[in-house]
Amino acid sequence: MRRKEIKAVGAELYARCLALQWRMGVDRVIRYCECHPHGRAGGCWDGSGPWCCLPVRALTGLNEEQIEAVIAHELAHIRGSIAS
């Protein structure tokens, strides 16, 4: 992805991500970002530390519970990579 397609999440979304991360028992430092991918999928990866990229298009129009489900899905990938 090109850098211009990725930016840090806003303070409110970041606080929500951290709260969910702690509830799920993920204690690593994770970089959360918003992305503008060509598709609607987000992703996570662990190159120089874990990243969680949340797709702006997929988050737009979702209610709070749905946004939390998207974040939890991505965090489950990170939690799974920690366990293996």
N, C-alpha and C. Protein backbone atom coordinates (compact mmCIF):
# COMPACT_ATOMS: atom_id res chain seq x y z
N MET A 1 0.83 -1.19 0.00
CA MET A 1 0.00 0.00 0.00
C MET A 1 0.87 1.24 0.00
N ARG A 2 0.40 2.22 -0.68
CA ARG A 2 1.12 3.49 -0.68
C ARG A 2 0.82 4.24 0.60
N ARG A 3 1.81 4.97 1.10
CA ARG A 3 1.65 5.70 2.37
C ARG A 3 0.46 6.64 2.37
N LYS A 4 0.15 7.25 1.25
CA LYS A 4 -0.95 8.21 1.25
C LYS A 4 -2.31 7.54 1.45
N GLU A 5 -2.36 6.22 1.33
CA GLU A 5 -3.61 5.50 1.54
C GLU A 5 -3.79 5.05 2.98
N ILE A 6 -2.82 5.33 3.84
CA ILE A 6 -2.87 4.91 5.23
C ILE A 6 -2.66 6.12 6.14
N LYS A 7 -3.49 6.22 7.19
CA LYS A 7 -3.27 7.26 8.20
C LYS A 7 -3.71 6.71 9.55
N ALA A 8 -3.21 7.30 10.60
CA ALA A 8 -3.55 6.87 11.96
C ALA A 8 -5.05 7.07 12.21
N VAL A 9 -5.62 6.19 13.00
CA VAL A 9 -7.03 6.35 13.34
C VAL A 9 -7.19 7.55 14.26
N GLY A 10 -8.38 8.09 14.31
CA GLY A 10 -8.67 9.21 15.19
C GLY A 10 -8.66 8.79 16.65
N ALA A 11 -8.62 9.76 17.53
CA ALA A 11 -8.50 9.50 18.98
C ALA A 11 -9.65 8.65 19.52
N GLU A 12 -10.87 8.92 19.09
CA GLU A 12 -12.03 8.17 19.58
C GLU A 12 -11.97 6.71 19.15
N LEU A 13 -11.65 6.47 17.88
CA LEU A 13 -11.55 5.09 17.39
C LEU A 13 -10.36 4.38 18.03
N TYR A 14 -9.26 5.10 18.23
CA TYR A 14 -8.09 4.51 18.87
C TYR A 14 -8.43 4.05 20.29
N ALA A 15 -9.15 4.87 21.04
CA ALA A 15 -9.55 4.50 22.40
C ALA A 15 -10.43 3.26 22.38
N ARG A 16 -11.31 3.17 21.41
CA ARG A 16 -12.18 1.99 21.27
C ARG A 16 -11.35 0.76 20.94
N CYS A 17 -10.37 0.91 20.07
CA CYS A 17 -9.49 -0.21 19.70
C CYS A 17 -8.71 -0.71 20.92
N LEU A 18 -8.15 0.23 21.69
CA LEU A 18 -7.38 -0.16 22.87
C LEU A 18 -8.25 -0.87 23.90
N ALA A 19 -9.45 -0.37 24.12
CA ALA A 19 -10.35 -0.99 25.10
C ALA A 19 -10.68 -2.43 24.68
N LEU A 20 -10.97 -2.62 23.42
CA LEU A 20 -11.29 -3.96 22.93
C LEU A 20 -10.05 -4.85 22.97
N GLN A 21 -8.92 -4.30 22.63
CA GLN A 21 -7.67 -5.06 22.67
C GLN A 21 -7.42 -5.61 24.07
N TRP A 22 -7.58 -4.78 25.08
CA TRP A 22 -7.35 -5.23 26.45
C TRP A 22 -8.39 -6.25 26.88
N ARG A 23 -9.66 -6.05 26.48
CA ARG A 23 -10.70 -7.03 26.81
C ARG A 23 -10.41 -8.39 26.20
N MET A 24 -9.76 -8.39 25.03
CA MET A 24 -9.43 -9.64 24.35
C MET A 24 -8.11 -10.24 24.85
N GLY A 25 -7.43 -9.55 25.75
CA GLY A 25 -6.20 -10.07 26.31
C GLY A 25 -4.98 -9.95 25.41
N VAL A 26 -5.02 -9.01 24.48
CA VAL A 26 -3.88 -8.77 23.59
C VAL A 26 -3.08 -7.62 24.20
N ASP A 27 -1.87 -7.94 24.71
CA ASP A 27 -1.12 -6.92 25.43
C ASP A 27 0.07 -6.37 24.65
N ARG A 28 0.13 -6.62 23.36
CA ARG A 28 1.21 -6.05 22.54
C ARG A 28 0.83 -4.65 22.09
N VAL A 29 1.83 -3.87 21.75
CA VAL A 29 1.58 -2.55 21.17
C VAL A 29 1.19 -2.77 19.71
N ILE A 30 0.05 -2.26 19.34
CA ILE A 30 -0.45 -2.43 17.97
C ILE A 30 -0.65 -1.05 17.36
N ARG A 31 -0.21 -0.89 16.13
CA ARG A 31 -0.44 0.36 15.40
C ARG A 31 -1.76 0.22 14.67
N TYR A 32 -2.67 1.13 14.94
CA TYR A 32 -3.99 1.13 14.29
C TYR A 32 -4.00 2.22 13.22
N CYS A 33 -4.49 1.87 12.05
CA CYS A 33 -4.55 2.86 10.99
C CYS A 33 -5.84 2.68 10.19
N GLU A 34 -6.20 3.73 9.49
CA GLU A 34 -7.31 3.68 8.54
C GLU A 34 -6.69 3.55 7.16
N CYS A 35 -7.31 2.75 6.33
CA CYS A 35 -6.76 2.60 4.99
C CYS A 35 -7.87 2.80 3.97
N HIS A 36 -7.46 3.12 2.78
CA HIS A 36 -8.36 3.31 1.65
C HIS A 36 -8.01 2.29 0.57
N PRO A 37 -8.23 0.99 0.88
CA PRO A 37 -7.87 -0.03 -0.11
C PRO A 37 -8.84 0.00 -1.28
N HIS A 38 -8.44 -0.63 -2.34
CA HIS A 38 -9.31 -0.70 -3.52
C HIS A 38 -10.52 -1.56 -3.23
N GLY A 39 -10.36 -2.55 -2.38
CA GLY A 39 -11.49 -3.38 -1.96
C GLY A 39 -12.02 -2.88 -0.63
N ARG A 40 -12.83 -3.68 0.04
CA ARG A 40 -13.40 -3.27 1.32
C ARG A 40 -12.72 -3.94 2.49
N ALA A 41 -11.74 -4.81 2.24
CA ALA A 41 -11.14 -5.59 3.32
C ALA A 41 -10.06 -4.83 4.06
N GLY A 42 -9.98 -5.08 5.33
CA GLY A 42 -8.92 -4.54 6.15
C GLY A 42 -7.83 -5.59 6.25
N GLY A 43 -7.01 -5.47 7.25
CA GLY A 43 -5.98 -6.47 7.41
C GLY A 43 -5.11 -6.18 8.60
N CYS A 44 -4.29 -7.13 8.91
CA CYS A 44 -3.31 -6.95 9.96
C CYS A 44 -2.05 -7.67 9.54
N TRP A 45 -0.93 -7.20 10.01
CA TRP A 45 0.34 -7.83 9.68
C TRP A 45 1.33 -7.52 10.78
N ASP A 46 2.37 -8.32 10.83
CA ASP A 46 3.35 -8.21 11.91
C ASP A 46 4.75 -8.18 11.32
N GLY A 47 5.07 -7.11 10.62
CA GLY A 47 6.41 -6.96 10.05
C GLY A 47 7.34 -6.36 11.08
N SER A 48 7.22 -5.08 11.32
CA SER A 48 8.04 -4.39 12.32
C SER A 48 7.20 -4.13 13.56
N GLY A 49 6.37 -5.05 13.92
CA GLY A 49 5.41 -4.92 15.01
C GLY A 49 4.02 -5.01 14.42
N PRO A 50 3.05 -5.43 15.22
CA PRO A 50 1.71 -5.62 14.66
C PRO A 50 1.01 -4.32 14.24
N TRP A 51 0.38 -4.40 13.10
CA TRP A 51 -0.42 -3.32 12.55
C TRP A 51 -1.84 -3.83 12.37
N CYS A 52 -2.81 -2.99 12.57
CA CYS A 52 -4.20 -3.32 12.31
C CYS A 52 -4.74 -2.21 11.41
N CYS A 53 -5.04 -2.57 10.19
CA CYS A 53 -5.51 -1.59 9.21
C CYS A 53 -7.01 -1.75 9.02
N LEU A 54 -7.75 -0.71 9.37
CA LEU A 54 -9.20 -0.73 9.30
C LEU A 54 -9.66 0.01 8.05
N PRO A 55 -10.43 -0.65 7.20
CA PRO A 55 -10.85 -0.02 5.94
C PRO A 55 -11.93 1.04 6.16
N VAL A 56 -11.63 2.25 5.74
CA VAL A 56 -12.56 3.36 5.92
C VAL A 56 -13.90 3.07 5.25
N ARG A 57 -13.88 2.54 4.05
CA ARG A 57 -15.13 2.26 3.34
C ARG A 57 -16.00 1.26 4.08
N ALA A 58 -15.39 0.26 4.68
CA ALA A 58 -16.16 -0.75 5.40
C ALA A 58 -16.71 -0.20 6.72
N LEU A 59 -16.01 0.74 7.34
CA LEU A 59 -16.46 1.29 8.62
C LEU A 59 -17.53 2.35 8.47
N THR A 60 -17.57 2.99 7.32
CA THR A 60 -18.53 4.07 7.10
C THR A 60 -19.95 3.52 7.12
N GLY A 61 -20.77 4.09 7.94
CA GLY A 61 -22.17 3.69 8.00
C GLY A 61 -22.47 2.55 8.95
N LEU A 62 -21.45 2.00 9.61
CA LEU A 62 -21.69 0.92 10.56
C LEU A 62 -22.03 1.50 11.93
N ASN A 63 -22.83 0.75 12.69
CA ASN A 63 -23.09 1.19 14.06
C ASN A 63 -21.93 0.77 14.95
N GLU A 64 -21.95 1.20 16.20
CA GLU A 64 -20.82 0.96 17.10
C GLU A 64 -20.54 -0.53 17.30
N GLU A 65 -21.59 -1.33 17.42
CA GLU A 65 -21.42 -2.78 17.61
C GLU A 65 -20.76 -3.43 16.39
N GLN A 66 -21.13 -2.99 15.21
CA GLN A 66 -20.55 -3.54 13.98
C GLN A 66 -19.08 -3.13 13.83
N ILE A 67 -18.76 -1.89 14.17
CA ILE A 67 -17.37 -1.44 14.12
C ILE A 67 -16.52 -2.26 15.08
N GLU A 68 -17.07 -2.49 16.28
CA GLU A 68 -16.34 -3.30 17.25
C GLU A 68 -16.11 -4.71 16.73
N ALA A 69 -17.07 -5.26 16.00
CA ALA A 69 -16.92 -6.61 15.44
C ALA A 69 -15.79 -6.64 14.41
N VAL A 70 -15.67 -5.59 13.59
CA VAL A 70 -14.59 -5.52 12.60
C VAL A 70 -13.24 -5.46 13.31
N ILE A 71 -13.14 -4.63 14.34
CA ILE A 71 -11.89 -4.50 15.09
C ILE A 71 -11.56 -5.83 15.76
N ALA A 72 -12.54 -6.46 16.39
CA ALA A 72 -12.32 -7.74 17.07
C ALA A 72 -11.85 -8.81 16.09
N HIS A 73 -12.38 -8.79 14.89
CA HIS A 73 -11.97 -9.76 13.86
C HIS A 73 -10.48 -9.60 13.56
N GLU A 74 -10.04 -8.37 13.35
CA GLU A 74 -8.63 -8.13 13.05
C GLU A 74 -7.75 -8.46 14.25
N LEU A 75 -8.21 -8.13 15.45
CA LEU A 75 -7.43 -8.44 16.64
C LEU A 75 -7.32 -9.96 16.85
N ALA A 76 -8.33 -10.70 16.47
CA ALA A 76 -8.26 -12.16 16.59
C ALA A 76 -7.12 -12.72 15.74
N HIS A 77 -6.89 -12.13 14.58
CA HIS A 77 -5.75 -12.55 13.74
C HIS A 77 -4.43 -12.30 14.48
N ILE A 78 -4.32 -11.12 15.08
CA ILE A 78 -3.09 -10.79 15.80
C ILE A 78 -2.92 -11.70 17.00
N ARG A 79 -3.99 -11.92 17.75
CA ARG A 79 -3.93 -12.81 18.91
C ARG A 79 -3.54 -14.22 18.50
N GLY A 80 -4.05 -14.67 17.36
CA GLY A 80 -3.71 -15.99 16.85
C GLY A 80 -2.25 -16.09 16.46
N SER A 81 -1.68 -15.02 15.92
CA SER A 81 -0.27 -15.06 15.53
C SER A 81 0.63 -15.03 16.75
N ILE A 82 0.17 -14.45 17.85
CA ILE A 82 0.95 -14.43 19.08
C ILE A 82 1.00 -15.83 19.68
N ALA A 83 -0.13 -16.55 19.61
CA ALA A 83 -0.22 -17.88 20.21
C ALA A 83 0.58 -18.92 19.44
N SER A 84 0.79 -18.69 18.13
CA SER A 84 1.48 -19.73 17.34
C SER A 84 2.97 -19.56 17.31
